[in-house]
C-alpha atoms as a PDB file:
ATOM      1  CA  MET A   1     -41.187  62.003   7.501  1.00  0.00           C
ATOM      2  CA  SER A   2     -44.030  59.300   6.675  1.00  0.00           C
ATOM      3  CA  LEU A   3     -43.919  55.759   8.264  1.00  0.00           C
ATOM      4  CA  ARG A   4     -42.973  54.186   4.959  1.00  0.00           C
ATOM      5  CA  ARG A   5     -40.234  56.341   4.164  1.00  0.00           C
ATOM      6  CA  THR A   6     -38.840  55.888   7.930  1.00  0.00           C
ATOM      7  CA  ALA A   7     -39.147  52.112   7.289  1.00  0.00           C
ATOM      8  CA  SER A   8     -37.181  51.950   3.960  1.00  0.00           C
ATOM      9  CA  LEU A   9     -34.542  54.532   5.296  1.00  0.00           C
ATOM     10  CA  CYS A  10     -34.092  52.072   8.459  1.00  0.00           C
ATOM     11  CA  ALA A  11     -33.935  48.955   5.718  1.00  0.00           C
ATOM     12  CA  VAL A  12     -31.468  50.714   3.650  1.00  0.00           C
ATOM     13  CA  LEU A  13     -29.458  51.543   7.123  1.00  0.00           C
ATOM     14  CA  ALA A  14     -29.585  47.914   8.332  1.00  0.00           C
ATOM     15  CA  SER A  15     -28.464  46.745   4.587  1.00  0.00           C
ATOM     16  CA  PHE A  16     -25.183  48.777   4.963  1.00  0.00           C
ATOM     17  CA  VAL A  17     -24.661  47.786   8.372  1.00  0.00           C
ATOM     18  CA  LEU A  18     -24.848  44.078   7.416  1.00  0.00           C
ATOM     19  CA  LEU A  19     -22.538  44.582   4.776  1.00  0.00           C
ATOM     20  CA  ALA A  20     -20.003  46.136   6.544  1.00  0.00           C
ATOM     21  CA  LEU A  21     -20.093  43.417   9.424  1.00  0.00           C
ATOM     22  CA  ALA A  22     -19.588  40.613   6.818  1.00  0.00           C
ATOM     23  CA  GLY A  23     -15.725  41.567   6.075  1.00  0.00           C
ATOM     24  CA  PRO A  24     -14.267  39.988   3.132  1.00  0.00           C
ATOM     25  CA  ALA A  25     -16.419  37.799   0.769  1.00  0.00           C
ATOM     26  CA  SER A  26     -14.347  34.584   0.014  1.00  0.00           C
ATOM     27  CA  ALA A  27     -12.825  35.939  -3.626  1.00  0.00           C
ATOM     28  CA  ALA A  28     -11.343  33.227  -5.918  1.00  0.00           C
ATOM     29  CA  THR A  29     -10.460  29.274  -6.706  1.00  0.00           C
ATOM     30  CA  PHE A  30      -6.975  29.159  -8.967  1.00  0.00           C
ATOM     31  CA  ASN A  31      -7.354  26.132 -10.685  1.00  0.00           C
ATOM     32  CA  VAL A  32      -3.010  25.277 -11.741  1.00  0.00           C
ATOM     33  CA  ASN A  33      -3.041  23.699 -14.860  1.00  0.00           C
ATOM     34  CA  THR A  34       0.788  22.767 -15.036  1.00  0.00           C
ATOM     35  CA  THR A  35       3.484  21.663 -13.068  1.00  0.00           C
ATOM     36  CA  VAL A  36       5.899  23.622 -14.422  1.00  0.00           C
ATOM     37  CA  ASP A  37       7.523  26.385 -12.274  1.00  0.00           C
ATOM     38  CA  ASP A  38       7.420  29.358 -14.647  1.00  0.00           C
ATOM     39  CA  ALA A  39      11.104  29.802 -15.984  1.00  0.00           C
ATOM     40  CA  VAL A  40       9.763  33.702 -16.091  1.00  0.00           C
ATOM     41  CA  ALA A  41       8.607  34.989 -13.223  1.00  0.00           C
ATOM     42  CA  PRO A  42       4.687  35.876 -13.088  1.00  0.00           C
ATOM     43  CA  SER A  43       3.848  39.537 -12.312  1.00  0.00           C
ATOM     44  CA  ILE A  44       3.946  40.398  -8.396  1.00  0.00           C
ATOM     45  CA  SER A  45       0.436  42.364  -9.014  1.00  0.00           C
ATOM     46  CA  ALA A  46      -1.419  39.827 -11.039  1.00  0.00           C
ATOM     47  CA  THR A  47      -4.615  38.997  -9.573  1.00  0.00           C
ATOM     48  CA  THR A  48      -5.951  35.960 -11.965  1.00  0.00           C
ATOM     49  CA  CYS A  49      -4.370  33.196 -13.486  1.00  0.00           C
ATOM     50  CA  PRO A  50      -2.756  33.134 -17.162  1.00  0.00           C
ATOM     51  CA  ALA A  51      -4.032  30.507 -19.292  1.00  0.00           C
ATOM     52  CA  THR A  52      -1.349  28.454 -18.393  1.00  0.00           C
ATOM     53  CA  CYS A  53      -1.405  28.648 -14.498  1.00  0.00           C
ATOM     54  CA  THR A  54       1.170  27.527 -12.389  1.00  0.00           C
ATOM     55  CA  LEU A  55       1.347  26.772  -8.501  1.00  0.00           C
ATOM     56  CA  ARG A  56       3.603  30.054  -8.556  1.00  0.00           C
ATOM     57  CA  ASP A  57       1.049  31.923 -10.381  1.00  0.00           C
ATOM     58  CA  ALA A  58      -2.014  30.832  -8.617  1.00  0.00           C
ATOM     59  CA  ILE A  59      -0.228  31.771  -4.937  1.00  0.00           C
ATOM     60  CA  ILE A  60       0.642  35.159  -6.462  1.00  0.00           C
ATOM     61  CA  ALA A  61      -2.811  35.528  -7.558  1.00  0.00           C
ATOM     62  CA  ALA A  62      -4.486  34.681  -4.489  1.00  0.00           C
ATOM     63  CA  ASN A  63      -1.797  36.824  -2.055  1.00  0.00           C
ATOM     64  CA  ASN A  64      -3.533  40.275  -4.117  1.00  0.00           C
ATOM     65  CA  ALA A  65      -6.728  38.585  -4.017  1.00  0.00           C
ATOM     66  CA  THR A  66      -9.137  39.547  -0.685  1.00  0.00           C
ATOM     67  CA  GLY A  67     -10.826  37.095   1.487  1.00  0.00           C
ATOM     68  CA  ASP A  68     -10.347  33.418   1.435  1.00  0.00           C
ATOM     69  CA  ASN A  69      -9.049  31.831  -1.361  1.00  0.00           C
ATOM     70  CA  THR A  70      -8.045  28.655  -2.507  1.00  0.00           C
ATOM     71  CA  VAL A  71      -5.629  27.337  -4.810  1.00  0.00           C
ATOM     72  CA  GLN A  72      -6.592  23.685  -6.277  1.00  0.00           C
ATOM     73  CA  LEU A  73      -3.589  21.418  -7.352  1.00  0.00           C
ATOM     74  CA  PRO A  74      -4.568  18.530  -9.917  1.00  0.00           C
ATOM     75  CA  ALA A  75      -2.321  15.522  -9.638  1.00  0.00           C
ATOM     76  CA  GLY A  76       1.311  15.919 -10.396  1.00  0.00           C
ATOM     77  CA  HIS A  77       4.794  16.472  -9.249  1.00  0.00           C
ATOM     78  CA  TYR A  78       5.265  19.902  -8.949  1.00  0.00           C
ATOM     79  CA  VAL A  79       8.959  20.951  -8.690  1.00  0.00           C
ATOM     80  CA  MET A  80      10.530  24.347  -7.471  1.00  0.00           C
ATOM     81  CA  SER A  81      13.087  25.285 -10.571  1.00  0.00           C
ATOM     82  CA  LEU A  82      13.584  28.987  -9.898  1.00  0.00           C
ATOM     83  CA  ALA A  83      16.498  29.883  -7.224  1.00  0.00           C
ATOM     84  CA  PRO A  84      15.787  32.665  -4.517  1.00  0.00           C
ATOM     85  CA  THR A  85      16.802  35.795  -5.277  1.00  0.00           C
ATOM     86  CA  GLY A  86      16.266  37.453  -1.716  1.00  0.00           C
ATOM     87  CA  ILE A  87      13.134  38.654  -0.719  1.00  0.00           C
ATOM     88  CA  ASP A  88      10.550  37.870  -4.053  1.00  0.00           C
ATOM     89  CA  GLY A  89       7.021  37.695  -2.870  1.00  0.00           C
ATOM     90  CA  ALA A  90       7.003  34.235  -4.421  1.00  0.00           C
ATOM     91  CA  THR A  91       8.537  35.576  -7.946  1.00  0.00           C
ATOM     92  CA  THR A  92      11.390  32.827  -7.039  1.00  0.00           C
ATOM     93  CA  GLY A  93      12.353  30.315  -4.566  1.00  0.00           C
ATOM     94  CA  ASP A  94      10.038  29.560  -1.834  1.00  0.00           C
ATOM     95  CA  TRP A  95       6.078  30.312  -2.699  1.00  0.00           C
ATOM     96  CA  ASP A  96       5.344  33.043  -0.448  1.00  0.00           C
ATOM     97  CA  ILE A  97       1.818  33.167   1.001  1.00  0.00           C
ATOM     98  CA  THR A  98       1.344  36.714   1.783  1.00  0.00           C
ATOM     99  CA  ASN A  99      -2.703  37.411   1.907  1.00  0.00           C
ATOM    100  CA  THR A 100      -3.643  39.140   5.546  1.00  0.00           C
ATOM    101  CA  THR A 101      -7.581  39.369   4.850  1.00  0.00           C
ATOM    102  CA  GLY A 102      -8.356  35.254   4.635  1.00  0.00           C
ATOM    103  CA  THR A 103      -6.649  31.682   4.481  1.00  0.00           C
ATOM    104  CA  THR A 104      -5.204  30.866   1.389  1.00  0.00           C
ATOM    105  CA  SER A 105      -6.321  26.839   0.804  1.00  0.00           C
ATOM    106  CA  ILE A 106      -3.681  25.032  -1.138  1.00  0.00           C
ATOM    107  CA  ILE A 107      -5.804  21.729  -2.028  1.00  0.00           C
ATOM    108  CA  GLY A 108      -4.159  18.782  -3.886  1.00  0.00           C
ATOM    109  CA  ALA A 109      -6.030  15.466  -5.548  1.00  0.00           C
ATOM    110  CA  GLY A 110      -4.365  13.728  -2.961  1.00  0.00           C
ATOM    111  CA  VAL A 111      -1.282  12.740  -0.707  1.00  0.00           C
ATOM    112  CA  ARG A 112      -0.053   9.923  -3.076  1.00  0.00           C
ATOM    113  CA  THR A 113      -0.880  11.821  -6.070  1.00  0.00           C
ATOM    114  CA  THR A 114       0.253  15.753  -5.692  1.00  0.00           C
ATOM    115  CA  THR A 115       3.317  16.351  -4.303  1.00  0.00           C
ATOM    116  CA  VAL A 116       5.098  20.024  -4.220  1.00  0.00           C
ATOM    117  CA  ASP A 117       8.873  19.228  -4.195  1.00  0.00           C
ATOM    118  CA  ALA A 118      11.032  22.533  -3.045  1.00  0.00           C
ATOM    119  CA  ALA A 119      14.100  20.141  -4.400  1.00  0.00           C
ATOM    120  CA  GLN A 120      16.243  21.513  -1.876  1.00  0.00           C
ATOM    121  CA  THR A 121      16.054  24.928  -3.452  1.00  0.00           C
ATOM    122  CA  ASP A 122      14.625  26.380  -0.915  1.00  0.00           C
ATOM    123  CA  ARG A 123      11.867  25.800   2.043  1.00  0.00           C
ATOM    124  CA  ALA A 124       8.523  25.054   0.257  1.00  0.00           C
ATOM    125  CA  PHE A 125       6.311  27.546   1.590  1.00  0.00           C
ATOM    126  CA  PHE A 126       6.522  30.815   3.416  1.00  0.00           C
ATOM    127  CA  VAL A 127       3.428  32.204   5.595  1.00  0.00           C
ATOM    128  CA  GLY A 128       3.901  35.771   6.200  1.00  0.00           C
ATOM    129  CA  PRO A 129       3.128  37.702   9.204  1.00  0.00           C
ATOM    130  CA  GLY A 130      -0.616  37.864   9.347  1.00  0.00           C
ATOM    131  CA  ALA A 131      -1.085  35.549   6.780  1.00  0.00           C
ATOM    132  CA  ALA A 132      -3.182  32.103   7.082  1.00  0.00           C
ATOM    133  CA  ALA A 133      -2.660  29.297   4.877  1.00  0.00           C
ATOM    134  CA  ALA A 134      -4.132  25.285   5.090  1.00  0.00           C
ATOM    135  CA  PHE A 135      -2.503  22.707   3.329  1.00  0.00           C
ATOM    136  CA  SER A 136      -4.569  19.286   2.474  1.00  0.00           C
ATOM    137  CA  ASN A 137      -4.573  16.464   0.313  1.00  0.00           C
ATOM    138  CA  LEU A 138      -0.409  17.021  -1.220  1.00  0.00           C
ATOM    139  CA  THR A 139       2.801  16.017   0.036  1.00  0.00           C
ATOM    140  CA  ILE A 140       4.845  18.682   0.681  1.00  0.00           C
ATOM    141  CA  THR A 141       8.840  17.849   0.372  1.00  0.00           C
ATOM    142  CA  GLY A 142      12.133  18.776  -0.518  1.00  0.00           C
ATOM    143  CA  GLY A 143      12.508  21.746   1.944  1.00  0.00           C
ATOM    144  CA  GLY A 144      15.784  22.852   2.285  1.00  0.00           C
ATOM    145  CA  THR A 145      17.624  26.049   4.036  1.00  0.00           C
ATOM    146  CA  ARG A 146      19.728  28.199   2.499  1.00  0.00           C
ATOM    147  CA  ALA A 147      22.291  30.985   4.256  1.00  0.00           C
ATOM    148  CA  SER A 148      21.136  34.404   4.572  1.00  0.00           C
ATOM    149  CA  PRO A 149      22.808  36.611   2.175  1.00  0.00           C
ATOM    150  CA  SER A 150      24.941  38.487   5.046  1.00  0.00           C
ATOM    151  CA  SER A 151      26.167  34.593   6.261  1.00  0.00           C
ATOM    152  CA  PRO A 152      29.704  33.914   5.537  1.00  0.00           C
END
């Protein structure tokens, strides 16, 4: 094998090693553009936001994407309106963050201008086992507790 060919092969192998060590890439930013909490729950397997992107849509898409994801919330009052129906993967009740391949960051436009309100319907957010979340520039309020389905 020639020296040139050996050097090329080493360069290719080094590239593969670097890609393998790099881990998951930063996946996406999901831009919420409505304060409405969908009356009809979005697809639990969505990986993109629809044209009208709710907070719920964005979180579900971020859960299905790999790596670090950002959910951008413009100024507004985001009120939870879908009552919980059990373990739901974010389609109803609290907004479940379940991506275990990176951090899901929820970023508002400011603590005085962006409010996420659970309206005493459920807790506001659930961060699942192995998942990571960061919240900034927003106010989270109105979280409530509910009895488990087996409670009297």
